[in-house]
Amino acid sequence: MSNAPDYTITANPHAFMHCGPVTHEGIDDKRDLTIITSANNSIIHSKSGNKNERIQGFSAEVVAINGDPSQHGGVGKAIIARSGDIVLNAENGDVYINARNIFFNASGESGQGNIMSKCNGFYQVTTGNEYRLAAARMCIVSEGNMNFVGDMMLAGNFNKGSAVSSAGFLKSILSGNWASLITAISQTCK
């Protein structure tokens, strides 16, 4: 694209829309397009390809309005990062995910492909049906008691190992120190 001249599309009490840098000293602030509303909402497109959007209040997006809800597997919204991470951060709120079904898939290779979760309160999983866990090898570590309520069936051998209090398991979880936590679990689960 050839270098187009800077141009202000509108500048009124409701909105400001400008193509090009917005500094008045002749300094290029590397902006391609700036939109600012009277509520101080803004969208900034930069020459680097970055986009910054700031919304002062609630923001909603509704997609696939004319879609067919009976069609399974139809994509209504896709967020794809060709490189880098995707971060959801509710600094002073909660994150809710609600769907007919929820699938998590980690497909990394060479030691990747992990799903990790942590919390400093309860970790609760509730189901109205069967709860299944399957793994090539499983290790459950607890510094305190493990309580099982209900009938329990055990198939295979049962071996008693050493205590794991020296692993510092709980301390690693609460501090978010994943490296020492993984090391402690791997050492304990040998």
N, C-alpha and C. Protein backbone atom coordinates (compact mmCIF):
# COMPACT_ATOMS: atom_id res chain seq x y z
N MET A 1 0.85 -1.18 0.00
CA MET A 1 0.00 0.00 0.00
C MET A 1 0.89 1.24 0.00
N SER A 2 0.59 2.16 -0.85
CA SER A 2 1.38 3.39 -0.90
C SER A 2 1.09 4.24 0.33
N ASN A 3 2.02 5.13 0.66
CA ASN A 3 1.85 5.98 1.83
C ASN A 3 0.76 7.01 1.57
N ALA A 4 -0.39 6.80 2.20
CA ALA A 4 -1.49 7.75 2.06
C ALA A 4 -1.26 8.88 3.05
N PRO A 5 -1.72 10.10 2.75
CA PRO A 5 -1.54 11.22 3.68
C PRO A 5 -2.39 11.03 4.92
N ASP A 6 -1.95 11.63 6.04
CA ASP A 6 -2.76 11.63 7.25
C ASP A 6 -4.09 12.30 6.95
N TYR A 7 -5.15 11.77 7.58
CA TYR A 7 -6.47 12.31 7.26
C TYR A 7 -7.39 12.11 8.46
N THR A 8 -8.04 13.17 8.89
CA THR A 8 -9.05 13.08 9.95
C THR A 8 -10.41 12.91 9.30
N ILE A 9 -11.03 11.75 9.55
CA ILE A 9 -12.33 11.44 8.96
C ILE A 9 -13.42 12.23 9.68
N THR A 10 -13.35 12.25 11.01
CA THR A 10 -14.30 13.04 11.77
C THR A 10 -13.69 13.43 13.10
N ALA A 11 -14.07 14.58 13.61
CA ALA A 11 -13.67 15.03 14.94
C ALA A 11 -14.82 15.89 15.46
N ASN A 12 -15.75 15.25 16.17
CA ASN A 12 -16.92 15.95 16.68
C ASN A 12 -17.14 15.55 18.14
N PRO A 13 -18.14 16.07 18.81
CA PRO A 13 -18.34 15.74 20.22
C PRO A 13 -18.63 14.26 20.48
N HIS A 14 -18.95 13.51 19.45
CA HIS A 14 -19.30 12.10 19.62
C HIS A 14 -18.11 11.16 19.38
N ALA A 15 -17.29 11.47 18.40
CA ALA A 15 -16.21 10.56 18.05
C ALA A 15 -15.10 11.29 17.30
N PHE A 16 -13.91 10.70 17.41
CA PHE A 16 -12.74 11.16 16.67
C PHE A 16 -12.21 9.97 15.89
N MET A 17 -12.04 10.14 14.59
CA MET A 17 -11.52 9.06 13.75
C MET A 17 -10.45 9.67 12.84
N HIS A 18 -9.24 9.08 12.94
CA HIS A 18 -8.10 9.66 12.22
C HIS A 18 -7.24 8.56 11.62
N CYS A 19 -6.82 8.75 10.40
CA CYS A 19 -5.87 7.84 9.73
C CYS A 19 -4.48 8.45 9.84
N GLY A 20 -3.54 7.72 10.43
CA GLY A 20 -2.17 8.20 10.57
C GLY A 20 -1.84 8.56 12.00
N PRO A 21 -0.65 9.10 12.24
CA PRO A 21 -0.23 9.49 13.59
C PRO A 21 -1.15 10.58 14.15
N VAL A 22 -1.27 10.62 15.47
CA VAL A 22 -2.14 11.62 16.09
C VAL A 22 -1.36 12.63 16.93
N THR A 23 -0.03 12.52 16.98
CA THR A 23 0.75 13.49 17.73
C THR A 23 0.81 14.80 16.95
N HIS A 24 0.94 15.91 17.68
CA HIS A 24 0.94 17.23 17.05
C HIS A 24 2.35 17.75 16.81
N GLU A 25 3.36 17.05 17.31
CA GLU A 25 4.74 17.53 17.17
C GLU A 25 5.41 16.99 15.92
N GLY A 26 4.67 16.33 15.05
CA GLY A 26 5.26 15.76 13.86
C GLY A 26 5.96 14.44 14.11
N ILE A 27 5.81 13.87 15.31
CA ILE A 27 6.43 12.58 15.64
C ILE A 27 5.49 11.46 15.21
N ASP A 28 6.05 10.48 14.55
CA ASP A 28 5.24 9.35 14.09
C ASP A 28 5.02 8.39 15.25
N ASP A 29 3.79 8.30 15.75
CA ASP A 29 3.49 7.38 16.85
C ASP A 29 3.11 6.00 16.34
N LYS A 30 3.36 5.76 15.06
CA LYS A 30 3.18 4.44 14.43
C LYS A 30 1.72 3.98 14.41
N ARG A 31 0.78 4.93 14.41
CA ARG A 31 -0.63 4.56 14.31
C ARG A 31 -1.09 4.63 12.86
N ASP A 32 -1.93 3.66 12.49
CA ASP A 32 -2.57 3.68 11.18
C ASP A 32 -3.99 4.25 11.27
N LEU A 33 -4.72 3.82 12.31
CA LEU A 33 -6.10 4.26 12.47
C LEU A 33 -6.42 4.39 13.94
N THR A 34 -7.01 5.51 14.32
CA THR A 34 -7.41 5.76 15.72
C THR A 34 -8.87 6.15 15.75
N ILE A 35 -9.63 5.48 16.61
CA ILE A 35 -11.04 5.81 16.82
C ILE A 35 -11.23 6.01 18.33
N ILE A 36 -11.75 7.16 18.72
CA ILE A 36 -12.02 7.46 20.12
C ILE A 36 -13.43 8.03 20.22
N THR A 37 -14.23 7.50 21.15
CA THR A 37 -15.60 7.97 21.31
C THR A 37 -15.70 8.93 22.49
N SER A 38 -16.88 9.53 22.65
CA SER A 38 -17.08 10.48 23.75
C SER A 38 -17.00 9.79 25.11
N ALA A 39 -17.26 8.49 25.17
CA ALA A 39 -17.14 7.73 26.42
C ALA A 39 -15.71 7.29 26.69
N ASN A 40 -14.77 7.72 25.83
CA ASN A 40 -13.35 7.38 25.91
C ASN A 40 -13.09 5.91 25.57
N ASN A 41 -13.99 5.29 24.82
CA ASN A 41 -13.68 3.99 24.23
C ASN A 41 -12.75 4.24 23.04
N SER A 42 -11.83 3.32 22.81
CA SER A 42 -10.88 3.56 21.73
C SER A 42 -10.49 2.27 21.03
N ILE A 43 -10.20 2.40 19.76
CA ILE A 43 -9.63 1.32 18.95
C ILE A 43 -8.45 1.93 18.21
N ILE A 44 -7.29 1.32 18.38
CA ILE A 44 -6.07 1.81 17.74
C ILE A 44 -5.45 0.69 16.92
N HIS A 45 -5.28 0.93 15.63
CA HIS A 45 -4.55 0.01 14.76
C HIS A 45 -3.18 0.62 14.51
N SER A 46 -2.12 -0.18 14.76
CA SER A 46 -0.75 0.32 14.61
C SER A 46 -0.10 -0.22 13.35
N LYS A 47 0.95 0.46 12.92
CA LYS A 47 1.69 0.02 11.73
C LYS A 47 2.34 -1.35 11.95
N SER A 48 2.56 -1.74 13.20
CA SER A 48 3.17 -3.03 13.52
C SER A 48 2.21 -4.19 13.24
N GLY A 49 0.92 -3.88 13.02
CA GLY A 49 -0.08 -4.93 12.87
C GLY A 49 -0.84 -5.17 14.16
N ASN A 50 -0.46 -4.49 15.24
CA ASN A 50 -1.15 -4.65 16.52
C ASN A 50 -2.46 -3.86 16.53
N LYS A 51 -3.39 -4.33 17.34
CA LYS A 51 -4.66 -3.63 17.55
C LYS A 51 -4.90 -3.55 19.04
N ASN A 52 -5.27 -2.38 19.53
CA ASN A 52 -5.57 -2.18 20.94
C ASN A 52 -6.98 -1.63 21.04
N GLU A 53 -7.81 -2.29 21.84
CA GLU A 53 -9.19 -1.87 22.01
C GLU A 53 -9.47 -1.69 23.49
N ARG A 54 -9.99 -0.54 23.87
CA ARG A 54 -10.32 -0.25 25.27
C ARG A 54 -11.78 0.15 25.36
N ILE A 55 -12.53 -0.59 26.19
CA ILE A 55 -13.95 -0.34 26.37
C ILE A 55 -14.17 0.02 27.84
N GLN A 56 -14.78 1.16 28.09
CA GLN A 56 -14.96 1.63 29.47
C GLN A 56 -16.04 0.87 30.21
N GLY A 57 -17.00 0.32 29.51
CA GLY A 57 -18.10 -0.41 30.15
C GLY A 57 -18.22 -1.82 29.63
N PHE A 58 -19.43 -2.33 29.64
CA PHE A 58 -19.72 -3.69 29.20
C PHE A 58 -19.50 -3.83 27.70
N SER A 59 -18.98 -4.98 27.28
CA SER A 59 -18.78 -5.27 25.86
C SER A 59 -19.41 -6.62 25.55
N ALA A 60 -20.20 -6.68 24.50
CA ALA A 60 -20.86 -7.93 24.12
C ALA A 60 -20.69 -8.18 22.64
N GLU A 61 -20.57 -9.43 22.29
CA GLU A 61 -20.49 -9.83 20.88
C GLU A 61 -21.39 -11.04 20.70
N VAL A 62 -22.32 -10.97 19.78
CA VAL A 62 -23.23 -12.08 19.48
C VAL A 62 -22.99 -12.49 18.04
N VAL A 63 -22.71 -13.78 17.82
CA VAL A 63 -22.41 -14.26 16.48
C VAL A 63 -23.33 -15.43 16.13
N ALA A 64 -23.29 -15.83 14.88
CA ALA A 64 -24.04 -16.98 14.36
C ALA A 64 -25.54 -16.86 14.65
N ILE A 65 -26.06 -15.66 14.52
CA ILE A 65 -27.48 -15.42 14.82
C ILE A 65 -28.38 -16.22 13.88
N ASN A 66 -27.99 -16.34 12.63
CA ASN A 66 -28.81 -17.09 11.66
C ASN A 66 -28.34 -18.52 11.48
N GLY A 67 -27.50 -19.01 12.40
CA GLY A 67 -27.01 -20.38 12.30
C GLY A 67 -28.09 -21.39 12.67
N ASP A 68 -27.78 -22.65 12.41
CA ASP A 68 -28.71 -23.74 12.71
C ASP A 68 -28.21 -24.46 13.96
N PRO A 69 -28.88 -24.28 15.13
CA PRO A 69 -28.40 -24.89 16.36
C PRO A 69 -28.46 -26.42 16.36
N SER A 70 -29.19 -27.02 15.44
CA SER A 70 -29.25 -28.48 15.38
C SER A 70 -28.02 -29.07 14.69
N GLN A 71 -27.23 -28.23 14.03
CA GLN A 71 -26.03 -28.71 13.33
C GLN A 71 -24.87 -28.82 14.31
N HIS A 72 -24.38 -30.02 14.54
CA HIS A 72 -23.25 -30.24 15.44
C HIS A 72 -21.95 -29.99 14.69
N GLY A 73 -21.00 -29.34 15.34
CA GLY A 73 -19.68 -29.13 14.73
C GLY A 73 -19.57 -27.88 13.89
N GLY A 74 -20.65 -27.12 13.72
CA GLY A 74 -20.57 -25.88 12.97
C GLY A 74 -19.87 -24.81 13.81
N VAL A 75 -18.94 -24.09 13.22
CA VAL A 75 -18.18 -23.08 13.96
C VAL A 75 -18.92 -21.75 13.90
N GLY A 76 -19.26 -21.21 15.06
CA GLY A 76 -19.89 -19.91 15.15
C GLY A 76 -18.90 -18.80 15.43
N LYS A 77 -17.79 -19.13 16.08
CA LYS A 77 -16.76 -18.14 16.41
C LYS A 77 -15.44 -18.88 16.57
N ALA A 78 -14.40 -18.34 15.96
CA ALA A 78 -13.06 -18.94 16.09
C ALA A 78 -12.08 -17.84 16.47
N ILE A 79 -11.27 -18.09 17.48
CA ILE A 79 -10.17 -17.20 17.86
C ILE A 79 -8.90 -18.01 17.65
N ILE A 80 -8.07 -17.58 16.72
CA ILE A 80 -6.88 -18.34 16.35
C ILE A 80 -5.65 -17.45 16.52
N ALA A 81 -4.68 -17.93 17.25
CA ALA A 81 -3.40 -17.24 17.38
C ALA A 81 -2.36 -18.07 16.62
N ARG A 82 -1.88 -17.57 15.51
CA ARG A 82 -0.87 -18.29 14.73
C ARG A 82 0.44 -18.41 15.48
N SER A 83 0.69 -17.50 16.40
CA SER A 83 1.85 -17.58 17.29
C SER A 83 1.48 -16.87 18.58
N GLY A 84 2.18 -17.18 19.64
CA GLY A 84 1.90 -16.54 20.93
C GLY A 84 0.77 -17.22 21.68
N ASP A 85 0.51 -16.73 22.87
CA ASP A 85 -0.49 -17.30 23.77
C ASP A 85 -1.81 -16.54 23.65
N ILE A 86 -2.86 -17.14 24.16
CA ILE A 86 -4.15 -16.48 24.34
C ILE A 86 -4.41 -16.42 25.84
N VAL A 87 -4.67 -15.23 26.35
CA VAL A 87 -4.83 -15.02 27.78
C VAL A 87 -6.22 -14.49 28.07
N LEU A 88 -6.95 -15.14 28.97
CA LEU A 88 -8.21 -14.63 29.50
C LEU A 88 -7.94 -14.25 30.95
N ASN A 89 -8.12 -12.98 31.29
CA ASN A 89 -7.78 -12.50 32.62
C ASN A 89 -8.90 -11.64 33.16
N ALA A 90 -9.67 -12.16 34.11
CA ALA A 90 -10.71 -11.37 34.78
C ALA A 90 -10.09 -10.90 36.10
N GLU A 91 -9.50 -9.70 36.10
CA GLU A 91 -8.71 -9.26 37.25
C GLU A 91 -9.54 -9.16 38.53
N ASN A 92 -10.78 -8.76 38.44
CA ASN A 92 -11.63 -8.62 39.62
C ASN A 92 -12.97 -9.32 39.43
N GLY A 93 -12.95 -10.42 38.71
CA GLY A 93 -14.19 -11.13 38.44
C GLY A 93 -13.93 -12.61 38.20
N ASP A 94 -14.93 -13.29 37.74
CA ASP A 94 -14.88 -14.73 37.48
C ASP A 94 -14.92 -14.98 35.99
N VAL A 95 -14.55 -16.18 35.58
CA VAL A 95 -14.65 -16.60 34.19
C VAL A 95 -15.65 -17.75 34.12
N TYR A 96 -16.67 -17.59 33.30
CA TYR A 96 -17.69 -18.61 33.14
C TYR A 96 -17.62 -19.16 31.72
N ILE A 97 -17.61 -20.47 31.59
CA ILE A 97 -17.67 -21.13 30.28
C ILE A 97 -18.89 -22.04 30.31
N ASN A 98 -19.82 -21.80 29.41
CA ASN A 98 -21.07 -22.55 29.39
C ASN A 98 -21.32 -23.06 27.98
N ALA A 99 -21.52 -24.34 27.83
CA ALA A 99 -21.75 -24.93 26.51
C ALA A 99 -22.46 -26.26 26.65
N ARG A 100 -22.96 -26.76 25.55
CA ARG A 100 -23.58 -28.09 25.54
C ARG A 100 -22.56 -29.14 25.96
N ASN A 101 -21.37 -29.08 25.40
CA ASN A 101 -20.23 -29.91 25.78
C ASN A 101 -18.99 -29.02 25.77
N ILE A 102 -18.00 -29.35 26.58
CA ILE A 102 -16.75 -28.60 26.61
C ILE A 102 -15.61 -29.59 26.40
N PHE A 103 -14.77 -29.29 25.43
CA PHE A 103 -13.63 -30.15 25.10
C PHE A 103 -12.34 -29.38 25.30
N PHE A 104 -11.37 -29.97 25.99
CA PHE A 104 -10.03 -29.42 26.11
C PHE A 104 -9.09 -30.36 25.38
N ASN A 105 -8.24 -29.83 24.54
CA ASN A 105 -7.29 -30.66 23.79
C ASN A 105 -5.93 -29.98 23.79
N ALA A 106 -4.93 -30.61 24.36
CA ALA A 106 -3.56 -30.10 24.33
C ALA A 106 -2.76 -31.04 23.45
N SER A 107 -2.31 -30.57 22.29
CA SER A 107 -1.72 -31.46 21.29
C SER A 107 -0.23 -31.22 21.07
N GLY A 108 0.46 -30.66 22.06
CA GLY A 108 1.89 -30.41 21.90
C GLY A 108 2.69 -31.69 21.84
N GLU A 109 3.90 -31.58 21.34
CA GLU A 109 4.79 -32.74 21.21
C GLU A 109 6.05 -32.51 22.02
N SER A 110 6.86 -33.55 22.18
CA SER A 110 8.16 -33.49 22.86
C SER A 110 8.03 -32.92 24.27
N GLY A 111 7.24 -33.59 25.11
CA GLY A 111 7.08 -33.16 26.49
C GLY A 111 6.01 -32.12 26.69
N GLN A 112 5.40 -31.62 25.62
CA GLN A 112 4.30 -30.67 25.74
C GLN A 112 2.98 -31.45 25.64
N GLY A 113 1.88 -30.75 25.39
CA GLY A 113 0.59 -31.43 25.33
C GLY A 113 0.02 -31.66 26.72
N ASN A 114 0.32 -30.78 27.67
CA ASN A 114 -0.12 -30.91 29.05
C ASN A 114 -1.31 -29.98 29.31
N ILE A 115 -2.16 -30.36 30.24
CA ILE A 115 -3.21 -29.50 30.76
C ILE A 115 -2.96 -29.35 32.25
N MET A 116 -2.75 -28.12 32.69
CA MET A 116 -2.42 -27.84 34.09
C MET A 116 -3.48 -26.91 34.66
N SER A 117 -3.86 -27.13 35.89
CA SER A 117 -4.77 -26.21 36.57
C SER A 117 -4.34 -26.12 38.03
N LYS A 118 -4.60 -24.95 38.63
CA LYS A 118 -4.26 -24.78 40.04
C LYS A 118 -5.27 -23.83 40.67
N CYS A 119 -5.42 -23.91 41.96
CA CYS A 119 -6.28 -22.98 42.69
C CYS A 119 -5.79 -22.93 44.13
N ASN A 120 -6.12 -21.85 44.83
CA ASN A 120 -5.73 -21.76 46.23
C ASN A 120 -6.91 -21.99 47.16
N GLY A 121 -8.02 -22.50 46.61
CA GLY A 121 -9.19 -22.88 47.39
C GLY A 121 -9.59 -24.30 47.03
N PHE A 122 -10.88 -24.57 47.06
CA PHE A 122 -11.37 -25.90 46.70
C PHE A 122 -11.22 -26.13 45.21
N TYR A 123 -10.95 -27.38 44.85
CA TYR A 123 -11.00 -27.81 43.45
C TYR A 123 -12.09 -28.86 43.40
N GLN A 124 -13.24 -28.50 42.87
CA GLN A 124 -14.41 -29.37 42.93
C GLN A 124 -14.86 -29.76 41.54
N VAL A 125 -15.11 -31.04 41.36
CA VAL A 125 -15.68 -31.56 40.12
C VAL A 125 -16.94 -32.33 40.51
N THR A 126 -18.06 -31.95 39.94
CA THR A 126 -19.34 -32.59 40.26
C THR A 126 -19.98 -33.06 38.97
N THR A 127 -20.48 -34.27 38.98
CA THR A 127 -21.17 -34.78 37.80
C THR A 127 -22.40 -35.56 38.23
N GLY A 128 -23.44 -35.51 37.43
CA GLY A 128 -24.65 -36.27 37.71
C GLY A 128 -24.57 -37.67 37.15
N ASN A 129 -23.43 -37.99 36.54
CA ASN A 129 -23.27 -39.31 35.94
C ASN A 129 -21.94 -39.88 36.39
N GLU A 130 -21.28 -40.62 35.57
CA GLU A 130 -20.03 -41.29 35.93
C GLU A 130 -18.84 -40.34 35.74
N TYR A 131 -17.87 -40.46 36.62
CA TYR A 131 -16.62 -39.67 36.54
C TYR A 131 -15.50 -40.64 36.20
N ARG A 132 -14.86 -40.42 35.07
CA ARG A 132 -13.84 -41.35 34.59
C ARG A 132 -12.49 -40.67 34.50
N LEU A 133 -11.46 -41.37 34.90
CA LEU A 133 -10.08 -40.95 34.72
C LEU A 133 -9.34 -42.10 34.06
N ALA A 134 -8.58 -41.80 33.03
CA ALA A 134 -7.81 -42.84 32.36
C ALA A 134 -6.43 -42.29 32.05
N ALA A 135 -5.40 -43.07 32.32
CA ALA A 135 -4.04 -42.63 32.06
C ALA A 135 -3.14 -43.84 31.89
N ALA A 136 -2.04 -43.66 31.19
CA ALA A 136 -1.06 -44.74 31.08
C ALA A 136 -0.45 -45.03 32.44
N ARG A 137 -0.34 -43.99 33.26
CA ARG A 137 0.15 -44.13 34.63
C ARG A 137 -0.47 -43.00 35.43
N MET A 138 -0.85 -43.26 36.66
CA MET A 138 -1.52 -42.24 37.45
C MET A 138 -0.85 -42.10 38.80
N CYS A 139 -0.72 -40.86 39.26
CA CYS A 139 -0.14 -40.58 40.56
C CYS A 139 -1.01 -39.53 41.25
N ILE A 140 -1.47 -39.82 42.44
CA ILE A 140 -2.24 -38.88 43.25
C ILE A 140 -1.44 -38.63 44.52
N VAL A 141 -1.14 -37.36 44.79
CA VAL A 141 -0.31 -37.00 45.93
C VAL A 141 -1.10 -36.12 46.87
N SER A 142 -1.05 -36.40 48.15
CA SER A 142 -1.71 -35.57 49.15
C SER A 142 -0.84 -35.52 50.39
N GLU A 143 -0.61 -34.31 50.93
CA GLU A 143 0.13 -34.20 52.19
C GLU A 143 -0.76 -34.54 53.38
N GLY A 144 -2.07 -34.44 53.19
CA GLY A 144 -3.00 -34.75 54.28
C GLY A 144 -3.72 -36.05 54.01
N ASN A 145 -4.90 -36.19 54.61
CA ASN A 145 -5.69 -37.40 54.46
C ASN A 145 -6.32 -37.46 53.08
N MET A 146 -6.57 -38.68 52.63
CA MET A 146 -7.36 -38.92 51.43
C MET A 146 -8.60 -39.68 51.88
N ASN A 147 -9.76 -39.10 51.70
CA ASN A 147 -11.00 -39.70 52.16
C ASN A 147 -11.81 -40.19 50.96
N PHE A 148 -12.21 -41.44 51.02
CA PHE A 148 -13.06 -42.02 49.99
C PHE A 148 -14.37 -42.43 50.66
N VAL A 149 -15.49 -41.92 50.15
CA VAL A 149 -16.78 -42.23 50.74
C VAL A 149 -17.58 -43.02 49.70
N GLY A 150 -18.12 -44.14 50.11
CA GLY A 150 -18.87 -44.98 49.19
C GLY A 150 -18.15 -46.31 48.98
N ASP A 151 -18.76 -47.17 48.20
CA ASP A 151 -18.16 -48.47 47.91
C ASP A 151 -16.96 -48.27 47.01
N MET A 152 -15.92 -49.06 47.24
CA MET A 152 -14.69 -48.92 46.47
C MET A 152 -14.25 -50.29 45.97
N MET A 153 -13.98 -50.37 44.68
CA MET A 153 -13.47 -51.61 44.11
C MET A 153 -12.05 -51.37 43.66
N LEU A 154 -11.16 -52.27 43.95
CA LEU A 154 -9.75 -52.15 43.59
C LEU A 154 -9.35 -53.40 42.83
N ALA A 155 -8.88 -53.22 41.62
CA ALA A 155 -8.40 -54.35 40.82
C ALA A 155 -6.90 -54.18 40.62
N GLY A 156 -6.14 -55.20 40.86
CA GLY A 156 -4.69 -55.12 40.72
C GLY A 156 -4.02 -55.09 42.08
N ASN A 157 -2.72 -54.88 42.08
CA ASN A 157 -1.94 -54.89 43.32
C ASN A 157 -2.08 -53.57 44.07
N PHE A 158 -1.83 -53.62 45.36
CA PHE A 158 -1.83 -52.43 46.20
C PHE A 158 -0.49 -52.41 46.93
N ASN A 159 0.30 -51.38 46.66
CA ASN A 159 1.62 -51.26 47.27
C ASN A 159 1.67 -50.02 48.15
N LYS A 160 2.27 -50.15 49.33
CA LYS A 160 2.41 -49.01 50.23
C LYS A 160 3.79 -48.40 50.03
N GLY A 161 3.81 -47.07 49.78
CA GLY A 161 5.08 -46.38 49.59
C GLY A 161 5.39 -45.49 50.78
N SER A 162 6.36 -44.58 50.61
CA SER A 162 6.77 -43.69 51.69
C SER A 162 5.87 -42.46 51.74
N ALA A 163 5.92 -41.74 52.87
CA ALA A 163 5.15 -40.52 53.04
C ALA A 163 5.68 -39.44 52.11
N VAL A 164 4.81 -38.50 51.75
CA VAL A 164 5.19 -37.48 50.77
C VAL A 164 5.28 -36.09 51.40
N SER A 165 5.25 -35.99 52.74
CA SER A 165 5.26 -34.66 53.36
C SER A 165 6.53 -33.90 53.01
N SER A 166 7.62 -34.60 52.75
CA SER A 166 8.87 -33.92 52.43
C SER A 166 8.86 -33.33 51.02
N ALA A 167 7.83 -33.67 50.24
CA ALA A 167 7.79 -33.18 48.86
C ALA A 167 7.45 -31.70 48.78
N GLY A 168 6.90 -31.13 49.86
CA GLY A 168 6.51 -29.71 49.81
C GLY A 168 5.40 -29.48 48.79
N PHE A 169 4.55 -30.48 48.66
CA PHE A 169 3.53 -30.47 47.61
C PHE A 169 2.59 -29.27 47.74
N LEU A 170 1.98 -29.11 48.92
CA LEU A 170 1.01 -28.05 49.12
C LEU A 170 1.65 -26.68 48.97
N LYS A 171 2.84 -26.52 49.49
CA LYS A 171 3.54 -25.23 49.40
C LYS A 171 3.80 -24.86 47.94
N SER A 172 4.15 -25.83 47.13
CA SER A 172 4.41 -25.56 45.71
C SER A 172 3.15 -25.14 44.99
N ILE A 173 2.01 -25.75 45.34
CA ILE A 173 0.75 -25.39 44.70
C ILE A 173 0.37 -23.96 45.05
N LEU A 174 0.43 -23.63 46.33
CA LEU A 174 0.00 -22.30 46.77
C LEU A 174 0.90 -21.20 46.25
N SER A 175 2.17 -21.50 46.07
CA SER A 175 3.09 -20.47 45.57
C SER A 175 3.08 -20.39 44.05
N GLY A 176 2.42 -21.34 43.39
CA GLY A 176 2.39 -21.33 41.92
C GLY A 176 3.71 -21.76 41.31
N ASN A 177 4.54 -22.42 42.09
CA ASN A 177 5.86 -22.84 41.62
C ASN A 177 5.73 -24.18 40.90
N TRP A 178 5.38 -24.10 39.61
CA TRP A 178 5.11 -25.32 38.84
C TRP A 178 6.35 -26.19 38.69
N ALA A 179 7.50 -25.59 38.54
CA ALA A 179 8.71 -26.38 38.33
C ALA A 179 8.98 -27.29 39.52
N SER A 180 8.94 -26.73 40.75
CA SER A 180 9.21 -27.56 41.92
C SER A 180 8.06 -28.53 42.18
N LEU A 181 6.83 -28.11 41.84
CA LEU A 181 5.69 -28.99 42.01
C LEU A 181 5.81 -30.22 41.12
N ILE A 182 6.13 -29.99 39.85
CA ILE A 182 6.27 -31.12 38.91
C ILE A 182 7.43 -32.01 39.34
N THR A 183 8.53 -31.40 39.78
CA THR A 183 9.67 -32.18 40.26
C THR A 183 9.28 -33.01 41.47
N ALA A 184 8.54 -32.40 42.42
CA ALA A 184 8.14 -33.13 43.62
C ALA A 184 7.23 -34.30 43.28
N ILE A 185 6.27 -34.07 42.38
CA ILE A 185 5.37 -35.14 42.00
C ILE A 185 6.13 -36.26 41.28
N SER A 186 7.02 -35.87 40.37
CA SER A 186 7.75 -36.88 39.61
C SER A 186 8.65 -37.71 40.53
N GLN A 187 9.25 -37.06 41.54
CA GLN A 187 10.09 -37.80 42.49
C GLN A 187 9.24 -38.71 43.36
N THR A 188 8.09 -38.20 43.79
CA THR A 188 7.22 -38.98 44.69
C THR A 188 6.58 -40.14 43.95
N CYS A 189 6.28 -39.97 42.69
CA CYS A 189 5.54 -40.98 41.94
C CYS A 189 6.44 -41.98 41.22
N LYS A 190 7.73 -42.03 41.56
CA LYS A 190 8.62 -43.00 40.89
C LYS A 190 8.26 -44.41 41.29
